[in-house]
Amino acid sequence: MAVEMIARLVHRPSWCRLLECDWSELEQGLETRELRDLRPEADAVLNRSFDIDLEADILDWMEPLPYPEYECNCLSHLRRLRTDGEVNADQLAAGMLQLADWASAGEWRCIEGRGYLYIEPYCGEECHGERGLYSRSVWERALQRILQMPVGEFGEAVVLDWMQRREQLGETLEADADAHILPTMQSHLRHTEALHHLANRLAKEDDLLLLVGRDWTSATSWGFGQFNLNRLLRDGWPG
């Protein structure tokens, strides 16, 4: 299965509120669906998990974890479990990522290999493997450059780059010879439109933060800077 690159727009106050919930309050709020009022409005352009599916996923994550011996908020409990070594950090971070999904307006995702088309040409440097592709500086510079371009210009630039790369590999550009040409081109245009939209929202709304990560990999590596999930689990919410 192909690994996907995911960029999630998280509403910071909502995510913080969830992490500050008492463990029992969080569990009850999910079971009774009372926490749905806390979820941001879904973005019409980006994708997002359905409420009922995510509620079930978070409850399934909570069920096997040790229950707090005393009332404490969610993040404090998870940090204690990590410090005591009772639960693997990957398992703890996976639930924190699900809570970030609950607090998100939506996410942009693409097959990781295609991510180089959308990010690398606009960050001002060559991304050397996945480490570079997921770095904070790369994303900040790329999104800033993308915002300076009209959305149509961004889409055309990505499609032209993709066509040139195919040509260099000796692949055909004739739609009659390859039935995937037109659908792939249309997919690139949809992805560029959505990424441009994400960049605009992130630039305009101070309450939004960006979490970037790879599907099917450890949740501890999601994010960058002070919002890396491993750092959040270790040090708590930054002041």
Protein backbone atom coordinates (compact mmCIF):
# COMPACT_ATOMS: atom_id res chain seq x y z
CA MET A 1 0.00 0.00 0.00
CA ALA A 2 1.32 3.43 -0.99
CA VAL A 3 2.28 5.78 1.82
CA GLU A 4 0.35 9.05 1.80
CA MET A 5 1.51 12.50 2.82
CA ILE A 6 -1.09 14.25 4.98
CA ALA A 7 -1.32 17.93 5.97
CA ARG A 8 -4.02 18.51 8.59
CA LEU A 9 -5.45 21.90 9.57
CA VAL A 10 -6.03 21.68 13.32
CA HIS A 11 -8.03 24.23 15.29
CA ARG A 12 -5.62 24.83 18.15
CA PRO A 13 -8.18 25.87 20.85
CA SER A 14 -10.36 22.81 20.17
CA TRP A 15 -7.43 20.41 20.28
CA CYS A 16 -6.15 22.02 23.48
CA ARG A 17 -9.63 21.75 25.01
CA LEU A 18 -9.78 18.02 24.23
CA LEU A 19 -6.35 17.40 25.74
CA GLU A 20 -7.41 19.32 28.85
CA CYS A 21 -10.59 17.24 29.32
CA ASP A 22 -10.66 14.89 32.28
CA TRP A 23 -10.23 11.34 31.05
CA SER A 24 -13.75 10.42 32.17
CA GLU A 25 -15.18 13.60 30.64
CA LEU A 26 -13.58 12.79 27.29
CA GLU A 27 -14.90 9.24 27.35
CA GLN A 28 -18.41 10.27 28.30
CA GLY A 29 -18.47 13.14 25.81
CA LEU A 30 -17.60 10.77 22.96
CA GLU A 31 -20.11 8.14 24.07
CA THR A 32 -22.96 10.64 24.34
CA ARG A 33 -21.84 12.61 21.25
CA GLU A 34 -21.77 15.80 23.32
CA LEU A 35 -18.30 16.68 22.04
CA ARG A 36 -19.60 17.21 18.52
CA ASP A 37 -20.29 20.84 19.38
CA LEU A 38 -16.57 21.26 19.99
CA ARG A 39 -15.61 20.04 16.52
CA PRO A 40 -14.82 22.83 14.03
CA GLU A 41 -16.97 23.21 10.95
CA ALA A 42 -15.77 20.92 8.17
CA ASP A 43 -13.93 22.63 5.33
CA ALA A 44 -15.79 22.28 2.03
CA VAL A 45 -12.59 21.75 0.00
CA LEU A 46 -10.55 19.50 2.29
CA ASN A 47 -11.33 15.96 3.47
CA ARG A 48 -12.22 14.97 7.02
CA SER A 49 -13.16 11.83 8.98
CA PHE A 50 -16.84 11.30 9.77
CA ASP A 51 -17.88 12.10 13.34
CA ILE A 52 -19.31 8.67 14.15
CA ASP A 53 -16.29 6.79 12.78
CA LEU A 54 -13.78 8.94 14.64
CA GLU A 55 -15.74 8.75 17.90
CA ALA A 56 -15.59 4.97 17.70
CA ASP A 57 -11.87 5.00 16.85
CA ILE A 58 -10.98 7.23 19.82
CA LEU A 59 -13.08 5.13 22.22
CA ASP A 60 -11.41 1.97 20.91
CA TRP A 61 -8.03 3.60 21.58
CA MET A 62 -9.03 4.61 25.12
CA GLU A 63 -10.53 1.26 26.17
CA PRO A 64 -7.33 -0.79 26.75
CA LEU A 65 -5.41 2.07 28.37
CA PRO A 66 -5.07 2.10 32.20
CA TYR A 67 -7.72 4.29 33.81
CA PRO A 68 -6.36 7.26 35.83
CA GLU A 69 -5.99 6.61 39.54
CA TYR A 70 -7.18 10.15 40.20
CA GLU A 71 -8.93 12.84 38.17
CA CYS A 72 -6.55 14.42 35.70
CA ASN A 73 -6.74 15.77 32.21
CA CYS A 74 -6.12 13.67 29.15
CA LEU A 75 -2.65 15.00 28.32
CA SER A 76 -1.41 14.67 31.91
CA HIS A 77 -2.59 11.06 32.03
CA LEU A 78 -0.90 10.21 28.72
CA ARG A 79 2.35 11.85 29.82
CA ARG A 80 2.32 9.87 33.07
CA LEU A 81 1.75 6.62 31.17
CA ARG A 82 4.70 7.47 28.94
CA THR A 83 6.97 8.41 31.86
CA ASP A 84 6.08 5.26 33.78
CA GLY A 85 6.63 3.14 30.68
CA GLU A 86 3.21 1.52 31.05
CA VAL A 87 2.24 2.14 27.43
CA ASN A 88 4.28 2.49 24.26
CA ALA A 89 4.68 6.11 23.13
CA ASP A 90 3.49 5.22 19.63
CA GLN A 91 0.19 3.97 21.03
CA LEU A 92 -0.28 7.10 23.14
CA ALA A 93 0.54 9.45 20.27
CA ALA A 94 -1.86 7.60 17.98
CA GLY A 95 -4.76 8.70 20.17
CA MET A 96 -3.46 12.26 20.37
CA LEU A 97 -3.42 12.28 16.57
CA GLN A 98 -7.02 11.08 16.50
CA LEU A 99 -7.95 13.94 18.85
CA ALA A 100 -6.17 16.31 16.47
CA ASP A 101 -8.30 14.86 13.68
CA TRP A 102 -11.41 15.57 15.77
CA ALA A 103 -10.22 19.17 16.21
CA SER A 104 -9.40 19.64 12.53
CA ALA A 105 -11.26 21.52 9.83
CA GLY A 106 -9.94 19.07 7.27
CA GLU A 107 -6.83 17.65 5.67
CA TRP A 108 -4.99 17.54 2.36
CA ARG A 109 -3.40 14.27 1.34
CA CYS A 110 -1.60 12.79 -1.63
CA ILE A 111 0.58 9.83 -2.50
CA GLU A 112 3.97 10.65 -1.00
CA GLY A 113 5.82 10.31 -4.30
CA ARG A 114 3.61 12.99 -5.82
CA GLY A 115 4.26 15.25 -2.85
CA TYR A 116 7.60 16.20 -4.37
CA LEU A 117 5.73 17.75 -7.31
CA TYR A 118 3.65 19.96 -5.04
CA ILE A 119 6.27 20.95 -2.46
CA GLU A 120 9.89 20.63 -3.66
CA PRO A 121 9.84 23.11 -6.59
CA TYR A 122 8.50 25.85 -4.30
CA CYS A 123 10.65 25.51 -1.19
CA GLY A 124 13.87 26.82 -2.70
CA GLU A 125 15.91 23.68 -2.12
CA GLU A 126 16.10 20.04 -3.05
CA CYS A 127 14.35 17.71 -0.63
CA HIS A 128 16.71 14.84 0.10
CA GLY A 129 14.33 12.00 0.83
CA GLU A 130 11.43 11.95 3.23
CA ARG A 131 13.36 13.72 5.99
CA GLY A 132 13.63 16.84 3.88
CA LEU A 133 10.13 16.59 2.47
CA TYR A 134 8.60 16.71 5.96
CA SER A 135 10.76 19.46 7.46
CA ARG A 136 9.24 22.62 8.85
CA SER A 137 11.39 25.02 6.80
CA VAL A 138 10.49 23.24 3.56
CA TRP A 139 6.76 23.48 4.21
CA GLU A 140 6.88 27.09 5.39
CA ARG A 141 8.80 28.27 2.32
CA ALA A 142 6.74 26.18 -0.09
CA LEU A 143 3.38 27.40 1.26
CA GLN A 144 4.60 31.00 1.25
CA ARG A 145 5.64 30.69 -2.41
CA ILE A 146 2.41 28.91 -3.36
CA LEU A 147 0.39 31.76 -1.83
CA GLN A 148 2.16 34.22 -4.12
CA MET A 149 0.79 32.37 -7.17
CA PRO A 150 -2.80 32.40 -8.45
CA VAL A 151 -4.29 28.96 -7.95
CA GLY A 152 -4.53 28.36 -11.70
CA GLU A 153 -0.89 29.26 -12.21
CA PHE A 154 0.13 26.85 -9.45
CA GLY A 155 -1.86 24.04 -11.04
CA GLU A 156 -0.43 24.71 -14.49
CA ALA A 157 3.13 24.77 -13.11
CA VAL A 158 2.67 21.40 -11.40
CA VAL A 159 1.13 19.79 -14.48
CA LEU A 160 3.92 21.14 -16.72
CA ASP A 161 6.57 19.85 -14.30
CA TRP A 162 4.88 16.44 -14.23
CA MET A 163 4.76 16.31 -18.05
CA GLN A 164 8.42 17.25 -18.34
CA ARG A 165 9.40 14.54 -15.88
CA ARG A 166 7.42 11.96 -17.87
CA GLU A 167 9.10 13.10 -21.06
CA GLN A 168 12.55 12.78 -19.49
CA LEU A 169 11.69 9.20 -18.51
CA GLY A 170 10.61 8.44 -22.07
CA GLU A 171 6.96 8.07 -21.12
CA THR A 172 4.19 9.02 -23.52
CA LEU A 173 2.15 12.19 -23.13
CA GLU A 174 -0.51 11.06 -25.59
CA ALA A 175 -3.88 10.44 -23.96
CA ASP A 176 -4.77 7.94 -26.68
CA ALA A 177 -1.73 5.84 -25.78
CA ASP A 178 -2.18 5.98 -21.99
CA ALA A 179 -5.65 6.12 -20.48
CA HIS A 180 -4.20 7.42 -17.19
CA ILE A 181 -2.90 10.69 -18.65
CA LEU A 182 -6.08 12.79 -18.36
CA PRO A 183 -7.24 11.43 -14.97
CA THR A 184 -3.75 12.03 -13.54
CA MET A 185 -3.68 15.57 -14.89
CA GLN A 186 -7.11 16.26 -13.38
CA SER A 187 -5.93 14.77 -10.08
CA HIS A 188 -2.91 17.12 -10.03
CA LEU A 189 -5.20 20.11 -10.58
CA ARG A 190 -7.52 19.04 -7.73
CA HIS A 191 -4.57 18.55 -5.39
CA THR A 192 -3.04 21.93 -6.24
CA GLU A 193 -6.36 23.69 -5.74
CA ALA A 194 -6.82 22.06 -2.33
CA LEU A 195 -3.23 22.76 -1.23
CA HIS A 196 -3.54 26.40 -2.29
CA HIS A 197 -6.78 26.63 -0.29
CA LEU A 198 -5.08 25.09 2.77
CA ALA A 199 -2.22 27.58 2.52
CA ASN A 200 -4.70 30.47 2.38
CA ARG A 201 -6.61 29.35 5.45
CA LEU A 202 -3.43 28.73 7.41
CA ALA A 203 -2.13 32.22 6.57
CA LYS A 204 -5.36 34.00 7.47
CA GLU A 205 -6.54 32.17 10.60
CA ASP A 206 -4.34 32.43 13.67
CA ASP A 207 -6.19 29.66 15.50
CA LEU A 208 -5.14 27.05 12.94
CA LEU A 209 -1.92 25.06 13.10
CA LEU A 210 -0.51 22.61 10.60
CA LEU A 211 0.24 18.98 11.43
CA VAL A 212 2.09 17.11 8.70
CA GLY A 213 2.84 13.42 8.70
CA ARG A 214 2.93 10.13 6.85
CA ASP A 215 0.10 7.65 6.85
CA TRP A 216 0.90 4.18 8.19
CA THR A 217 3.82 5.45 10.25
CA SER A 218 4.27 6.29 13.92
CA ALA A 219 2.14 9.18 15.12
CA THR A 220 5.05 10.40 17.27
CA SER A 221 6.69 11.88 14.18
CA TRP A 222 3.68 13.97 13.14
CA GLY A 223 4.04 17.73 13.13
CA PHE A 224 7.18 19.78 13.43
CA GLY A 225 8.67 22.31 15.78
CA GLN A 226 6.84 22.72 19.07
CA PHE A 227 3.85 20.76 17.80
CA ASN A 228 5.67 17.52 17.14
CA LEU A 229 3.53 14.91 18.89
CA ASN A 230 6.49 13.22 20.52
CA ARG A 231 7.56 16.54 22.04
CA LEU A 232 4.00 17.31 23.13
CA LEU A 233 3.78 13.92 24.82
CA ARG A 234 7.14 14.45 26.53
CA ASP A 235 6.96 18.13 27.53
CA GLY A 236 3.26 18.99 27.52
CA TRP A 237 1.51 21.84 25.77
CA PRO A 238 3.92 24.73 25.04
CA GLY A 239 3.32 27.90 26.99
